[in-house]
Structure formats: C-alpha cells, structure tokens
Amino acid sequence: MMDNLDKSSRSVLFRGNTGHFGGDTLFARVARAVCEAECLPRKELFEAWETAKRIRRKMRGGPIVELAAGHGLLSAILILLDDSTETATCVDIQRPPSHEKILASLEKQWPRIKGRVRYVEGRIEEAKIPIGALLASVHACGRLTDQVLDLAINSRNRVAVLPCCHDLETCDTGGLAGWMDGPLAVDATRVARLREAGYRVQTLKIPEDVTPKNRLILGWAE
C-alpha cells in the first residue's frame, strides 16, 4: 500500500493514514501507532525506522543514549528490534510534546516497553553515559553530530549517527572540499577522526527517497 507514498513528506501522520500501513509486520504496526499519536511528520517515521533497522543489523545489546533526540522514536524502535536492550535515555535541550504522545501510543501496542524509555532535558556534553552504551542520533544538526562523536570517543562507546545540516563554516572538511562536495567532505572527515581515535567504522546509507541526508556512520571502539 506504500508504493505511491511520498516517504519524504513533512505532512503530519494522523489516524486517517493508517490504511497506508496494512499488514502485520513490525514496521506496519509501528507506523499505525505513530498515526494514532497524530503528531509526527511522515518523513521522521521513515528516518527513524530505516536508521534503527540498519543499526540493529550491526549493533545489539546494551543501553541506548539517543542524543538530540527530539521525539525519541528511534529509541523506542531500537528496543522493539532488540529486547535485550533494557533501557533507553533520550537527551535534548527540551522535550517536545510529541515524545509523550508517541511513547504512549507505542506502549499501548507493546506494554513491555513501558518505563524503559526516559527523557532527560539537557545538553549533549552533559549527558551521563552508562557502561556499554550505544550513542545514537538522527539528524543532529551541524556541530551537534560532532558533539555526539566527542562524547562517544571520550567514553569509548559505540556510536551511530545520521548527520545533517552540514555547516561548512563550523564543521571540519579535513581539507577535502576541493575534491568533493562539502557535506561529504565533512562526513569523510568524521570517519577519519573516528578511525584515528581507534574506532572500527562502517558507512551505510538509508534510502534517498526518505532524505538526501542519508549517510549513516557506525563506530566501535577497539
């Protein structure tokens, strides 16, 4: 039913959209729950799902710390995809009303996640990181992605970021902007920085029909 659906649309999903997501797959059930919450743009549903799915293929277990979390849907999906993760902490300057609405709708469908996702209002650099955590972020704007990487490197934890809004004045291009597109130079430099810090890195992409800012960086401290 999703063949003609614009996955990049910023239109808010509402109850009338549930018919687009038929079937009993986990994604369809998550999508219908998000529709019931009536607060999330369609694009952000697909971003969170496609990112979480790729993260879980490579990284499992341990607590989640989602930074610049916004609505926090990524955290909930990561737990649904891997129940061995007991808790997730969403961190952002301000908790949006959409977080509670989405979480309540998901908890109605999956009572087992109740109480496992919490929200902390604060700055990325002030986040408390438990041992063995996975630090994750979807579209932390500009330098915020670099702050997520800083926190991961300093704590020697796994990290997964989907960067966006590459500010070429504040983000490091590594001197590569003469050879390649500026935002790509920024992300290539981020990969090089992780490797220099002793990380094993894997680069992936989520579908471009969801967002053109689709480069996913995964890192493991070695």
N, C-alpha and C. Protein backbone atom coordinates (compact mmCIF):
# COMPACT_ATOMS: atom_id res chain seq x y z
N MET A 1 0.81 -1.21 0.00
CA MET A 1 0.00 0.00 0.00
C MET A 1 0.85 1.27 0.00
N MET A 2 2.18 1.12 0.18
CA MET A 2 3.03 2.29 0.28
C MET A 2 3.70 2.64 -1.04
N ASP A 3 3.34 1.98 -2.15
CA ASP A 3 4.04 2.15 -3.41
C ASP A 3 4.10 3.60 -3.86
N ASN A 4 3.02 4.34 -3.69
CA ASN A 4 2.96 5.72 -4.17
C ASN A 4 3.08 6.73 -3.03
N LEU A 5 3.49 6.28 -1.87
CA LEU A 5 3.58 7.15 -0.70
C LEU A 5 4.88 7.95 -0.74
N ASP A 6 4.78 9.26 -0.57
CA ASP A 6 5.96 10.11 -0.52
C ASP A 6 6.58 9.99 0.88
N LYS A 7 7.66 9.23 0.98
CA LYS A 7 8.27 8.98 2.29
C LYS A 7 8.98 10.20 2.85
N SER A 8 9.26 11.19 2.00
CA SER A 8 9.97 12.39 2.46
C SER A 8 9.03 13.52 2.87
N SER A 9 7.73 13.26 2.84
CA SER A 9 6.76 14.30 3.15
C SER A 9 6.86 14.75 4.61
N ARG A 10 6.72 16.05 4.80
CA ARG A 10 6.72 16.60 6.15
C ARG A 10 5.30 16.72 6.73
N SER A 11 4.33 16.19 6.01
CA SER A 11 2.95 16.19 6.50
C SER A 11 2.83 15.31 7.74
N VAL A 12 2.10 15.78 8.72
CA VAL A 12 1.93 15.02 9.96
C VAL A 12 1.00 13.84 9.70
N LEU A 13 1.41 12.68 10.18
CA LEU A 13 0.58 11.49 10.08
C LEU A 13 -0.59 11.59 11.06
N PHE A 14 -1.76 11.14 10.63
CA PHE A 14 -2.92 11.14 11.52
C PHE A 14 -3.67 9.83 11.35
N ARG A 15 -4.71 9.64 12.14
CA ARG A 15 -5.41 8.34 12.18
C ARG A 15 -5.90 7.91 10.80
N GLY A 16 -6.29 8.87 9.99
CA GLY A 16 -6.77 8.54 8.66
C GLY A 16 -5.72 7.95 7.74
N ASN A 17 -4.44 8.02 8.15
CA ASN A 17 -3.35 7.47 7.32
C ASN A 17 -3.05 6.01 7.62
N THR A 18 -3.71 5.43 8.61
CA THR A 18 -3.37 4.04 8.99
C THR A 18 -3.56 3.07 7.84
N GLY A 19 -4.47 3.37 6.92
CA GLY A 19 -4.71 2.49 5.79
C GLY A 19 -3.52 2.34 4.87
N HIS A 20 -2.57 3.27 4.94
CA HIS A 20 -1.36 3.16 4.13
C HIS A 20 -0.42 2.08 4.65
N PHE A 21 -0.64 1.64 5.89
CA PHE A 21 0.30 0.74 6.54
C PHE A 21 -0.40 -0.55 6.97
N GLY A 22 -0.85 -1.32 5.98
CA GLY A 22 -1.53 -2.57 6.26
C GLY A 22 -0.56 -3.70 6.54
N GLY A 23 -1.09 -4.78 7.10
CA GLY A 23 -0.27 -5.95 7.37
C GLY A 23 0.17 -6.05 8.81
N ASP A 24 0.91 -7.10 9.12
CA ASP A 24 1.29 -7.38 10.50
C ASP A 24 2.79 -7.33 10.71
N THR A 25 3.52 -6.67 9.79
CA THR A 25 4.96 -6.50 10.01
C THR A 25 5.18 -5.54 11.17
N LEU A 26 6.37 -5.59 11.74
CA LEU A 26 6.68 -4.68 12.85
C LEU A 26 6.60 -3.24 12.38
N PHE A 27 7.14 -2.96 11.18
CA PHE A 27 7.08 -1.58 10.70
C PHE A 27 5.65 -1.10 10.55
N ALA A 28 4.78 -1.93 9.97
CA ALA A 28 3.38 -1.53 9.78
C ALA A 28 2.72 -1.23 11.12
N ARG A 29 2.99 -2.04 12.11
CA ARG A 29 2.40 -1.84 13.44
C ARG A 29 2.93 -0.57 14.10
N VAL A 30 4.25 -0.32 13.96
CA VAL A 30 4.82 0.92 14.48
C VAL A 30 4.22 2.12 13.77
N ALA A 31 4.10 2.04 12.45
CA ALA A 31 3.56 3.15 11.67
C ALA A 31 2.13 3.47 12.07
N ARG A 32 1.32 2.43 12.29
CA ARG A 32 -0.06 2.68 12.70
C ARG A 32 -0.12 3.32 14.09
N ALA A 33 0.77 2.90 14.97
CA ALA A 33 0.82 3.51 16.31
C ALA A 33 1.22 4.98 16.21
N VAL A 34 2.15 5.30 15.32
CA VAL A 34 2.56 6.69 15.12
C VAL A 34 1.40 7.50 14.54
N CYS A 35 0.66 6.90 13.61
CA CYS A 35 -0.53 7.58 13.07
C CYS A 35 -1.54 7.89 14.17
N GLU A 36 -1.72 6.97 15.09
CA GLU A 36 -2.66 7.18 16.19
C GLU A 36 -2.23 8.34 17.07
N ALA A 37 -0.92 8.59 17.17
CA ALA A 37 -0.42 9.68 18.01
C ALA A 37 -0.69 11.05 17.40
N GLU A 38 -0.82 11.10 16.08
CA GLU A 38 -1.16 12.32 15.34
C GLU A 38 -0.26 13.51 15.68
N CYS A 39 1.06 13.30 15.57
CA CYS A 39 1.97 14.40 15.90
C CYS A 39 3.29 14.37 15.14
N LEU A 40 3.52 13.32 14.35
CA LEU A 40 4.85 13.15 13.76
C LEU A 40 4.81 13.26 12.24
N PRO A 41 5.71 14.05 11.63
CA PRO A 41 5.79 14.09 10.17
C PRO A 41 6.16 12.72 9.61
N ARG A 42 5.59 12.39 8.47
CA ARG A 42 5.82 11.09 7.83
C ARG A 42 7.31 10.82 7.62
N LYS A 43 8.03 11.84 7.19
CA LYS A 43 9.46 11.71 6.92
C LYS A 43 10.21 11.18 8.15
N GLU A 44 9.83 11.65 9.32
CA GLU A 44 10.57 11.28 10.53
C GLU A 44 10.27 9.85 10.97
N LEU A 45 9.11 9.34 10.64
CA LEU A 45 8.82 7.93 10.87
C LEU A 45 9.79 7.07 10.05
N PHE A 46 9.91 7.36 8.76
CA PHE A 46 10.76 6.56 7.90
C PHE A 46 12.24 6.73 8.25
N GLU A 47 12.65 7.94 8.62
CA GLU A 47 14.04 8.16 9.03
C GLU A 47 14.39 7.31 10.24
N ALA A 48 13.53 7.35 11.26
CA ALA A 48 13.80 6.58 12.47
C ALA A 48 13.82 5.09 12.20
N TRP A 49 12.86 4.60 11.42
CA TRP A 49 12.78 3.17 11.13
C TRP A 49 13.98 2.69 10.32
N GLU A 50 14.28 3.37 9.23
CA GLU A 50 15.37 2.93 8.36
C GLU A 50 16.72 3.00 9.08
N THR A 51 16.90 4.00 9.94
CA THR A 51 18.14 4.11 10.70
C THR A 51 18.22 3.01 11.75
N ALA A 52 17.15 2.82 12.52
CA ALA A 52 17.15 1.80 13.57
C ALA A 52 17.38 0.41 12.99
N LYS A 53 16.75 0.12 11.87
CA LYS A 53 16.88 -1.20 11.25
C LYS A 53 18.33 -1.50 10.90
N ARG A 54 19.02 -0.51 10.35
CA ARG A 54 20.41 -0.71 9.95
C ARG A 54 21.33 -0.77 11.17
N ILE A 55 21.04 0.02 12.18
CA ILE A 55 21.85 -0.06 13.41
C ILE A 55 21.75 -1.44 14.02
N ARG A 56 20.53 -1.98 14.10
CA ARG A 56 20.34 -3.26 14.79
C ARG A 56 20.92 -4.45 14.01
N ARG A 57 21.12 -4.29 12.73
CA ARG A 57 21.79 -5.36 11.98
C ARG A 57 23.25 -5.49 12.38
N LYS A 58 23.81 -4.40 12.94
CA LYS A 58 25.24 -4.37 13.26
C LYS A 58 25.52 -4.23 14.75
N MET A 59 24.60 -3.63 15.51
CA MET A 59 24.84 -3.32 16.92
C MET A 59 23.65 -3.76 17.75
N ARG A 60 23.92 -4.67 18.69
CA ARG A 60 22.84 -5.16 19.53
C ARG A 60 23.26 -5.11 21.00
N GLY A 61 22.24 -5.08 21.89
CA GLY A 61 22.51 -5.11 23.31
C GLY A 61 22.96 -3.78 23.88
N GLY A 62 22.94 -3.71 25.21
CA GLY A 62 23.40 -2.52 25.91
C GLY A 62 22.38 -1.41 25.93
N PRO A 63 22.53 -0.48 26.86
CA PRO A 63 21.61 0.65 26.94
C PRO A 63 21.79 1.60 25.77
N ILE A 64 20.73 2.32 25.44
CA ILE A 64 20.74 3.32 24.37
C ILE A 64 20.78 4.71 24.99
N VAL A 65 21.61 5.59 24.43
CA VAL A 65 21.53 7.02 24.74
C VAL A 65 21.30 7.73 23.40
N GLU A 66 20.10 8.25 23.21
CA GLU A 66 19.77 8.96 21.97
C GLU A 66 19.96 10.44 22.21
N LEU A 67 20.87 11.06 21.46
CA LEU A 67 21.25 12.45 21.66
C LEU A 67 20.66 13.35 20.59
N ALA A 68 20.29 14.59 21.01
CA ALA A 68 19.50 15.47 20.14
C ALA A 68 18.27 14.69 19.69
N ALA A 69 17.60 14.10 20.68
CA ALA A 69 16.62 13.03 20.43
C ALA A 69 15.30 13.50 19.84
N GLY A 70 14.92 14.76 20.09
CA GLY A 70 13.61 15.19 19.60
C GLY A 70 12.50 14.32 20.14
N HIS A 71 11.70 13.74 19.25
CA HIS A 71 10.56 12.92 19.67
C HIS A 71 10.95 11.58 20.26
N GLY A 72 12.18 11.12 20.01
CA GLY A 72 12.66 9.89 20.64
C GLY A 72 12.14 8.60 20.04
N LEU A 73 11.58 8.65 18.85
CA LEU A 73 11.06 7.43 18.23
C LEU A 73 12.17 6.42 17.96
N LEU A 74 13.36 6.90 17.62
CA LEU A 74 14.48 6.00 17.35
C LEU A 74 14.73 5.07 18.54
N SER A 75 14.74 5.62 19.75
CA SER A 75 14.99 4.81 20.95
C SER A 75 13.97 3.69 21.10
N ALA A 76 12.72 4.04 20.94
CA ALA A 76 11.66 3.04 21.10
C ALA A 76 11.78 1.93 20.06
N ILE A 77 12.07 2.29 18.82
CA ILE A 77 12.20 1.28 17.77
C ILE A 77 13.42 0.39 18.04
N LEU A 78 14.51 0.96 18.51
CA LEU A 78 15.69 0.17 18.81
C LEU A 78 15.40 -0.89 19.87
N ILE A 79 14.58 -0.54 20.86
CA ILE A 79 14.20 -1.52 21.88
C ILE A 79 13.27 -2.58 21.28
N LEU A 80 12.33 -2.15 20.45
CA LEU A 80 11.42 -3.12 19.83
C LEU A 80 12.18 -4.10 18.94
N LEU A 81 13.24 -3.65 18.30
CA LEU A 81 14.03 -4.51 17.42
C LEU A 81 14.99 -5.42 18.19
N ASP A 82 15.31 -5.04 19.42
CA ASP A 82 16.25 -5.84 20.23
C ASP A 82 15.87 -5.71 21.70
N ASP A 83 15.12 -6.68 22.17
CA ASP A 83 14.59 -6.62 23.54
C ASP A 83 15.68 -6.81 24.60
N SER A 84 16.89 -7.19 24.18
CA SER A 84 17.97 -7.32 25.16
C SER A 84 18.46 -5.96 25.65
N THR A 85 18.11 -4.89 24.93
CA THR A 85 18.36 -3.54 25.43
C THR A 85 17.28 -3.20 26.45
N GLU A 86 17.69 -3.02 27.69
CA GLU A 86 16.71 -2.84 28.75
C GLU A 86 16.19 -1.41 28.82
N THR A 87 17.07 -0.43 28.58
CA THR A 87 16.65 0.97 28.75
C THR A 87 17.20 1.85 27.65
N ALA A 88 16.51 2.95 27.42
CA ALA A 88 16.97 3.99 26.51
C ALA A 88 16.75 5.34 27.18
N THR A 89 17.72 6.22 27.01
CA THR A 89 17.61 7.58 27.54
C THR A 89 17.68 8.56 26.38
N CYS A 90 16.65 9.38 26.25
CA CYS A 90 16.61 10.43 25.23
C CYS A 90 17.11 11.73 25.86
N VAL A 91 18.02 12.40 25.18
CA VAL A 91 18.60 13.64 25.69
C VAL A 91 18.41 14.74 24.66
N ASP A 92 17.85 15.86 25.11
CA ASP A 92 17.71 17.03 24.24
C ASP A 92 17.49 18.24 25.14
N ILE A 93 17.68 19.41 24.57
CA ILE A 93 17.52 20.65 25.35
C ILE A 93 16.11 20.77 25.90
N GLN A 94 15.13 20.38 25.12
CA GLN A 94 13.72 20.47 25.54
C GLN A 94 12.95 19.27 25.01
N ARG A 95 12.17 18.66 25.88
CA ARG A 95 11.36 17.52 25.46
C ARG A 95 10.11 18.02 24.75
N PRO A 96 9.90 17.62 23.49
CA PRO A 96 8.72 18.08 22.76
C PRO A 96 7.48 17.30 23.21
N PRO A 97 6.29 17.90 23.10
CA PRO A 97 5.05 17.19 23.46
C PRO A 97 4.87 15.90 22.66
N SER A 98 5.44 15.84 21.46
CA SER A 98 5.28 14.65 20.62
C SER A 98 5.88 13.41 21.27
N HIS A 99 6.89 13.57 22.11
CA HIS A 99 7.54 12.40 22.72
C HIS A 99 6.54 11.59 23.54
N GLU A 100 5.82 12.24 24.44
CA GLU A 100 4.88 11.53 25.31
C GLU A 100 3.74 10.92 24.50
N LYS A 101 3.28 11.63 23.47
CA LYS A 101 2.19 11.11 22.65
C LYS A 101 2.61 9.85 21.90
N ILE A 102 3.80 9.90 21.30
CA ILE A 102 4.28 8.74 20.54
C ILE A 102 4.53 7.57 21.47
N LEU A 103 5.19 7.84 22.60
CA LEU A 103 5.52 6.76 23.52
C LEU A 103 4.25 6.12 24.08
N ALA A 104 3.26 6.92 24.41
CA ALA A 104 2.00 6.37 24.94
C ALA A 104 1.33 5.47 23.91
N SER A 105 1.37 5.87 22.65
CA SER A 105 0.75 5.07 21.60
C SER A 105 1.50 3.76 21.40
N LEU A 106 2.83 3.81 21.45
CA LEU A 106 3.62 2.59 21.30
C LEU A 106 3.46 1.67 22.50
N GLU A 107 3.40 2.23 23.68
CA GLU A 107 3.23 1.42 24.89
C GLU A 107 1.87 0.72 24.91
N LYS A 108 0.88 1.33 24.29
CA LYS A 108 -0.43 0.70 24.19
C LYS A 108 -0.34 -0.59 23.38
N GLN A 109 0.49 -0.58 22.33
CA GLN A 109 0.67 -1.76 21.48
C GLN A 109 1.68 -2.74 22.07
N TRP A 110 2.69 -2.21 22.75
CA TRP A 110 3.76 -3.04 23.31
C TRP A 110 3.96 -2.66 24.79
N PRO A 111 3.13 -3.16 25.68
CA PRO A 111 3.25 -2.81 27.11
C PRO A 111 4.63 -3.11 27.68
N ARG A 112 5.36 -4.03 27.08
CA ARG A 112 6.67 -4.41 27.62
C ARG A 112 7.69 -3.28 27.55
N ILE A 113 7.46 -2.24 26.75
CA ILE A 113 8.43 -1.15 26.70
C ILE A 113 8.11 -0.04 27.71
N LYS A 114 7.01 -0.17 28.43
CA LYS A 114 6.61 0.86 29.38
C LYS A 114 7.69 1.03 30.45
N GLY A 115 8.08 2.26 30.68
CA GLY A 115 9.08 2.56 31.70
C GLY A 115 10.52 2.35 31.25
N ARG A 116 10.72 1.94 30.02
CA ARG A 116 12.09 1.64 29.55
C ARG A 116 12.71 2.78 28.74
N VAL A 117 11.89 3.77 28.37
CA VAL A 117 12.41 4.94 27.66
C VAL A 117 12.16 6.17 28.52
N ARG A 118 13.23 6.86 28.89
CA ARG A 118 13.07 8.07 29.70
C ARG A 118 13.67 9.25 28.97
N TYR A 119 13.30 10.44 29.40
CA TYR A 119 13.75 11.66 28.73
C TYR A 119 14.48 12.55 29.73
N VAL A 120 15.63 13.06 29.33
CA VAL A 120 16.41 13.98 30.15
C VAL A 120 16.62 15.27 29.36
N GLU A 121 16.22 16.38 29.92
CA GLU A 121 16.44 17.66 29.27
C GLU A 121 17.82 18.18 29.65
N GLY A 122 18.64 18.44 28.66
CA GLY A 122 19.99 18.92 28.93
C GLY A 122 20.82 18.95 27.67
N ARG A 123 22.06 19.37 27.81
CA ARG A 123 22.98 19.49 26.69
C ARG A 123 23.68 18.16 26.43
N ILE A 124 24.07 17.94 25.19
CA ILE A 124 24.72 16.68 24.82
C ILE A 124 25.95 16.42 25.67
N GLU A 125 26.79 17.43 25.84
CA GLU A 125 28.05 17.24 26.54
C GLU A 125 27.86 16.94 28.04
N GLU A 126 26.65 17.16 28.55
CA GLU A 126 26.37 16.91 29.96
C GLU A 126 25.71 15.55 30.19
N ALA A 127 25.47 14.81 29.12
CA ALA A 127 24.76 13.53 29.25
C ALA A 127 25.58 12.52 30.04
N LYS A 128 24.91 11.74 30.88
CA LYS A 128 25.55 10.67 31.62
C LYS A 128 25.48 9.40 30.79
N ILE A 129 26.64 8.80 30.56
CA ILE A 129 26.73 7.66 29.66
C ILE A 129 27.03 6.39 30.44
N PRO A 130 26.11 5.43 30.44
CA PRO A 130 26.37 4.17 31.14
C PRO A 130 27.39 3.31 30.40
N ILE A 131 27.98 2.38 31.12
CA ILE A 131 28.96 1.47 30.52
C ILE A 131 28.29 0.61 29.44
N GLY A 132 28.97 0.44 28.34
CA GLY A 132 28.47 -0.42 27.27
C GLY A 132 27.33 0.17 26.46
N ALA A 133 27.17 1.48 26.52
CA ALA A 133 26.04 2.13 25.84
C ALA A 133 26.28 2.25 24.34
N LEU A 134 25.18 2.41 23.63
CA LEU A 134 25.20 2.80 22.22
C LEU A 134 24.70 4.23 22.14
N LEU A 135 25.55 5.14 21.65
CA LEU A 135 25.15 6.52 21.46
C LEU A 135 24.62 6.67 20.05
N ALA A 136 23.40 7.17 19.91
CA ALA A 136 22.76 7.24 18.60
C ALA A 136 22.13 8.60 18.40
N SER A 137 22.11 9.02 17.14
CA SER A 137 21.49 10.30 16.83
C SER A 137 21.07 10.33 15.37
N VAL A 138 19.87 10.83 15.13
CA VAL A 138 19.34 11.03 13.78
C VAL A 138 19.22 12.52 13.52
N HIS A 139 19.99 13.01 12.57
CA HIS A 139 19.93 14.40 12.12
C HIS A 139 20.16 15.41 13.24
N ALA A 140 21.22 15.16 14.03
CA ALA A 140 21.71 16.20 14.94
C ALA A 140 22.38 17.26 14.07
N CYS A 141 21.86 18.47 14.08
CA CYS A 141 22.25 19.49 13.10
C CYS A 141 23.69 19.96 13.28
N GLY A 142 24.39 20.05 12.17
CA GLY A 142 25.72 20.65 12.15
C GLY A 142 26.67 20.09 13.18
N ARG A 143 27.22 20.97 14.01
CA ARG A 143 28.21 20.60 15.01
C ARG A 143 27.66 19.67 16.08
N LEU A 144 26.34 19.57 16.22
CA LEU A 144 25.78 18.66 17.22
C LEU A 144 26.21 17.21 16.95
N THR A 145 26.29 16.84 15.68
CA THR A 145 26.78 15.49 15.36
C THR A 145 28.21 15.30 15.85
N ASP A 146 29.03 16.33 15.71
CA ASP A 146 30.41 16.24 16.19
C ASP A 146 30.45 16.13 17.72
N GLN A 147 29.52 16.76 18.40
CA GLN A 147 29.45 16.63 19.85
C GLN A 147 29.07 15.20 20.26
N VAL A 148 28.21 14.57 19.48
CA VAL A 148 27.87 13.16 19.74
C VAL A 148 29.12 12.30 19.58
N LEU A 149 29.88 12.55 18.52
CA LEU A 149 31.13 11.80 18.31
C LEU A 149 32.13 12.07 19.42
N ASP A 150 32.22 13.33 19.88
CA ASP A 150 33.11 13.66 21.01
C ASP A 150 32.77 12.80 22.22
N LEU A 151 31.49 12.75 22.53
CA LEU A 151 31.04 12.02 23.72
C LEU A 151 31.33 10.53 23.58
N ALA A 152 31.12 10.00 22.39
CA ALA A 152 31.39 8.57 22.16
C ALA A 152 32.88 8.28 22.31
N ILE A 153 33.71 9.09 21.69
CA ILE A 153 35.16 8.86 21.75
C ILE A 153 35.67 8.98 23.18
N ASN A 154 35.19 9.99 23.90
CA ASN A 154 35.65 10.19 25.28
C ASN A 154 35.22 9.07 26.21
N SER A 155 34.07 8.46 25.94
CA SER A 155 33.56 7.38 26.80
C SER A 155 33.88 6.00 26.24
N ARG A 156 34.46 5.95 25.02
CA ARG A 156 34.83 4.70 24.34
C ARG A 156 33.61 3.80 24.13
N ASN A 157 32.51 4.39 23.75
CA ASN A 157 31.29 3.65 23.49
C ASN A 157 30.99 3.57 22.00
N ARG A 158 30.13 2.63 21.63
CA ARG A 158 29.66 2.52 20.26
C ARG A 158 28.87 3.77 19.88
N VAL A 159 28.87 4.07 18.60
CA VAL A 159 28.17 5.27 18.15
C VAL A 159 27.54 5.03 16.78
N ALA A 160 26.39 5.65 16.56
CA ALA A 160 25.69 5.59 15.27
C ALA A 160 25.06 6.95 15.03
N VAL A 161 25.48 7.61 13.95
CA VAL A 161 24.94 8.94 13.66
C VAL A 161 24.51 9.03 12.20
N LEU A 162 23.41 9.75 11.98
CA LEU A 162 22.93 10.11 10.64
C LEU A 162 22.99 11.63 10.58
N PRO A 163 24.10 12.19 10.09
CA PRO A 163 24.29 13.65 10.17
C PRO A 163 23.37 14.42 9.22
N CYS A 164 23.22 15.72 9.52
CA CYS A 164 22.50 16.62 8.61
C CYS A 164 22.98 18.05 8.81
N CYS A 165 22.48 18.94 7.98
CA CYS A 165 22.75 20.38 8.11
C CYS A 165 24.23 20.65 8.31
N HIS A 166 25.04 20.19 7.36
CA HIS A 166 26.49 20.34 7.46
C HIS A 166 26.87 21.82 7.30
N ASP A 167 27.25 22.45 8.39
CA ASP A 167 27.67 23.85 8.37
C ASP A 167 29.14 23.90 8.00
N LEU A 168 29.45 24.33 6.80
CA LEU A 168 30.82 24.28 6.32
C LEU A 168 31.71 25.33 6.98
N GLU A 169 31.10 26.26 7.74
CA GLU A 169 31.90 27.25 8.46
C GLU A 169 32.35 26.72 9.82
N THR A 170 31.58 25.80 10.40
CA THR A 170 31.91 25.31 11.74
C THR A 170 32.31 23.84 11.75
N CYS A 171 31.96 23.09 10.71
CA CYS A 171 32.30 21.67 10.66
C CYS A 171 33.60 21.48 9.87
N ASP A 172 34.42 20.54 10.30
CA ASP A 172 35.72 20.30 9.69
C ASP A 172 35.57 19.52 8.38
N THR A 173 36.07 20.09 7.29
CA THR A 173 36.04 19.40 5.99
C THR A 173 37.31 18.61 5.75
N GLY A 174 38.28 18.70 6.65
CA GLY A 174 39.52 17.95 6.52
C GLY A 174 40.35 18.33 5.30
N GLY A 175 40.09 19.52 4.75
CA GLY A 175 40.81 19.94 3.56
C GLY A 175 40.38 19.23 2.29
N LEU A 176 39.24 18.51 2.36
CA LEU A 176 38.79 17.70 1.22
C LEU A 176 37.79 18.41 0.32
N ALA A 177 37.37 19.62 0.69
CA ALA A 177 36.31 20.29 -0.05
C ALA A 177 36.72 20.64 -1.48
N GLY A 178 38.02 20.65 -1.77
CA GLY A 178 38.46 20.90 -3.14
C GLY A 178 38.27 19.71 -4.05
N TRP A 179 38.05 18.55 -3.45
CA TRP A 179 37.90 17.31 -4.23
C TRP A 179 36.48 16.81 -4.27
N MET A 180 35.69 17.15 -3.26
CA MET A 180 34.36 16.57 -3.16
C MET A 180 33.37 17.57 -2.58
N ASP A 181 32.11 17.25 -2.72
CA ASP A 181 31.04 18.05 -2.15
C ASP A 181 31.32 18.33 -0.67
N GLY A 182 31.06 19.58 -0.23
CA GLY A 182 31.38 19.98 1.13
C GLY A 182 30.80 19.09 2.22
N PRO A 183 29.48 18.80 2.21
CA PRO A 183 28.92 17.92 3.24
C PRO A 183 29.55 16.53 3.24
N LEU A 184 29.85 15.99 2.06
CA LEU A 184 30.52 14.69 2.00
C LEU A 184 31.92 14.78 2.61
N ALA A 185 32.60 15.89 2.37
CA ALA A 185 33.93 16.09 2.96
C ALA A 185 33.84 16.11 4.49
N VAL A 186 32.81 16.74 5.02
CA VAL A 186 32.62 16.77 6.48
C VAL A 186 32.44 15.36 7.02
N ASP A 187 31.59 14.57 6.37
CA ASP A 187 31.34 13.21 6.87
C ASP A 187 32.55 12.30 6.69
N ALA A 188 33.28 12.48 5.59
CA ALA A 188 34.51 11.70 5.39
C ALA A 188 35.52 12.03 6.48
N THR A 189 35.59 13.30 6.87
CA THR A 189 36.50 13.71 7.94
C THR A 189 36.06 13.12 9.27
N ARG A 190 34.76 13.02 9.49
CA ARG A 190 34.26 12.40 10.72
C ARG A 190 34.67 10.93 10.79
N VAL A 191 34.57 10.24 9.66
CA VAL A 191 35.01 8.84 9.62
C VAL A 191 36.50 8.74 9.93
N ALA A 192 37.29 9.62 9.32
CA ALA A 192 38.73 9.61 9.55
C ALA A 192 39.05 9.90 11.01
N ARG A 193 38.28 10.78 11.61
CA ARG A 193 38.51 11.11 13.03
C ARG A 193 38.23 9.91 13.92
N LEU A 194 37.15 9.21 13.65
CA LEU A 194 36.84 8.01 14.43
C LEU A 194 37.94 6.97 14.28
N ARG A 195 38.41 6.76 13.07
CA ARG A 195 39.47 5.78 12.84
C ARG A 195 40.75 6.18 13.56
N GLU A 196 41.06 7.46 13.54
CA GLU A 196 42.26 7.94 14.23
C GLU A 196 42.14 7.73 15.75
N ALA A 197 40.89 7.77 16.25
CA ALA A 197 40.65 7.57 17.68
C ALA A 197 40.59 6.09 18.06
N GLY A 198 40.87 5.22 17.10
CA GLY A 198 40.90 3.80 17.40
C GLY A 198 39.58 3.09 17.23
N TYR A 199 38.73 3.63 16.36
CA TYR A 199 37.42 3.04 16.11
C TYR A 199 37.44 2.24 14.80
N ARG A 200 36.72 1.14 14.83
CA ARG A 200 36.37 0.45 13.58
C ARG A 200 35.10 1.11 13.07
N VAL A 201 35.06 1.46 11.80
CA VAL A 201 33.96 2.25 11.25
C VAL A 201 33.31 1.53 10.08
N GLN A 202 32.00 1.64 10.01
CA GLN A 202 31.27 1.17 8.83
C GLN A 202 30.34 2.29 8.37
N THR A 203 30.29 2.51 7.06
CA THR A 203 29.41 3.53 6.49
C THR A 203 28.29 2.86 5.71
N LEU A 204 27.08 3.37 5.91
CA LEU A 204 25.89 2.85 5.26
C LEU A 204 25.04 4.03 4.79
N LYS A 205 23.97 3.72 4.08
CA LYS A 205 23.01 4.75 3.69
C LYS A 205 21.59 4.25 3.97
N ILE A 206 20.71 5.18 4.36
CA ILE A 206 19.29 4.87 4.35
C ILE A 206 18.75 5.32 3.00
N PRO A 207 17.55 4.89 2.59
CA PRO A 207 17.06 5.22 1.24
C PRO A 207 16.99 6.72 0.98
N GLU A 208 17.42 7.12 -0.20
CA GLU A 208 17.44 8.52 -0.57
C GLU A 208 16.04 9.09 -0.77
N ASP A 209 15.05 8.21 -1.01
CA ASP A 209 13.69 8.73 -1.16
C ASP A 209 13.08 9.12 0.19
N VAL A 210 13.77 8.81 1.28
CA VAL A 210 13.36 9.29 2.60
C VAL A 210 14.00 10.65 2.87
N THR A 211 15.30 10.75 2.63
CA THR A 211 16.04 12.01 2.82
C THR A 211 17.34 11.97 2.02
N PRO A 212 17.74 13.09 1.42
CA PRO A 212 19.05 13.12 0.76
C PRO A 212 20.20 13.14 1.76
N LYS A 213 19.90 13.51 3.01
CA LYS A 213 20.91 13.48 4.08
C LYS A 213 20.87 12.09 4.70
N ASN A 214 21.41 11.13 3.97
CA ASN A 214 21.14 9.72 4.27
C ASN A 214 22.37 8.90 4.64
N ARG A 215 23.49 9.56 4.94
CA ARG A 215 24.72 8.83 5.27
C ARG A 215 24.75 8.45 6.75
N LEU A 216 24.87 7.16 7.00
CA LEU A 216 24.88 6.62 8.36
C LEU A 216 26.30 6.17 8.70
N ILE A 217 26.81 6.65 9.83
CA ILE A 217 28.16 6.30 10.29
C ILE A 217 28.04 5.46 11.56
N LEU A 218 28.62 4.26 11.55
CA LEU A 218 28.65 3.39 12.72
C LEU A 218 30.09 3.23 13.18
N GLY A 219 30.31 3.24 14.50
CA GLY A 219 31.66 3.10 15.02
C GLY A 219 31.73 2.27 16.27
N TRP A 220 32.78 1.44 16.34
CA TRP A 220 33.04 0.59 17.51
C TRP A 220 34.45 0.89 18.02
N ALA A 221 34.59 1.18 19.31
CA ALA A 221 35.92 1.39 19.89
C ALA A 221 36.66 0.07 19.97
N GLU A 222 37.92 0.06 19.60
CA GLU A 222 38.72 -1.17 19.62
C GLU A 222 39.92 -1.02 20.55
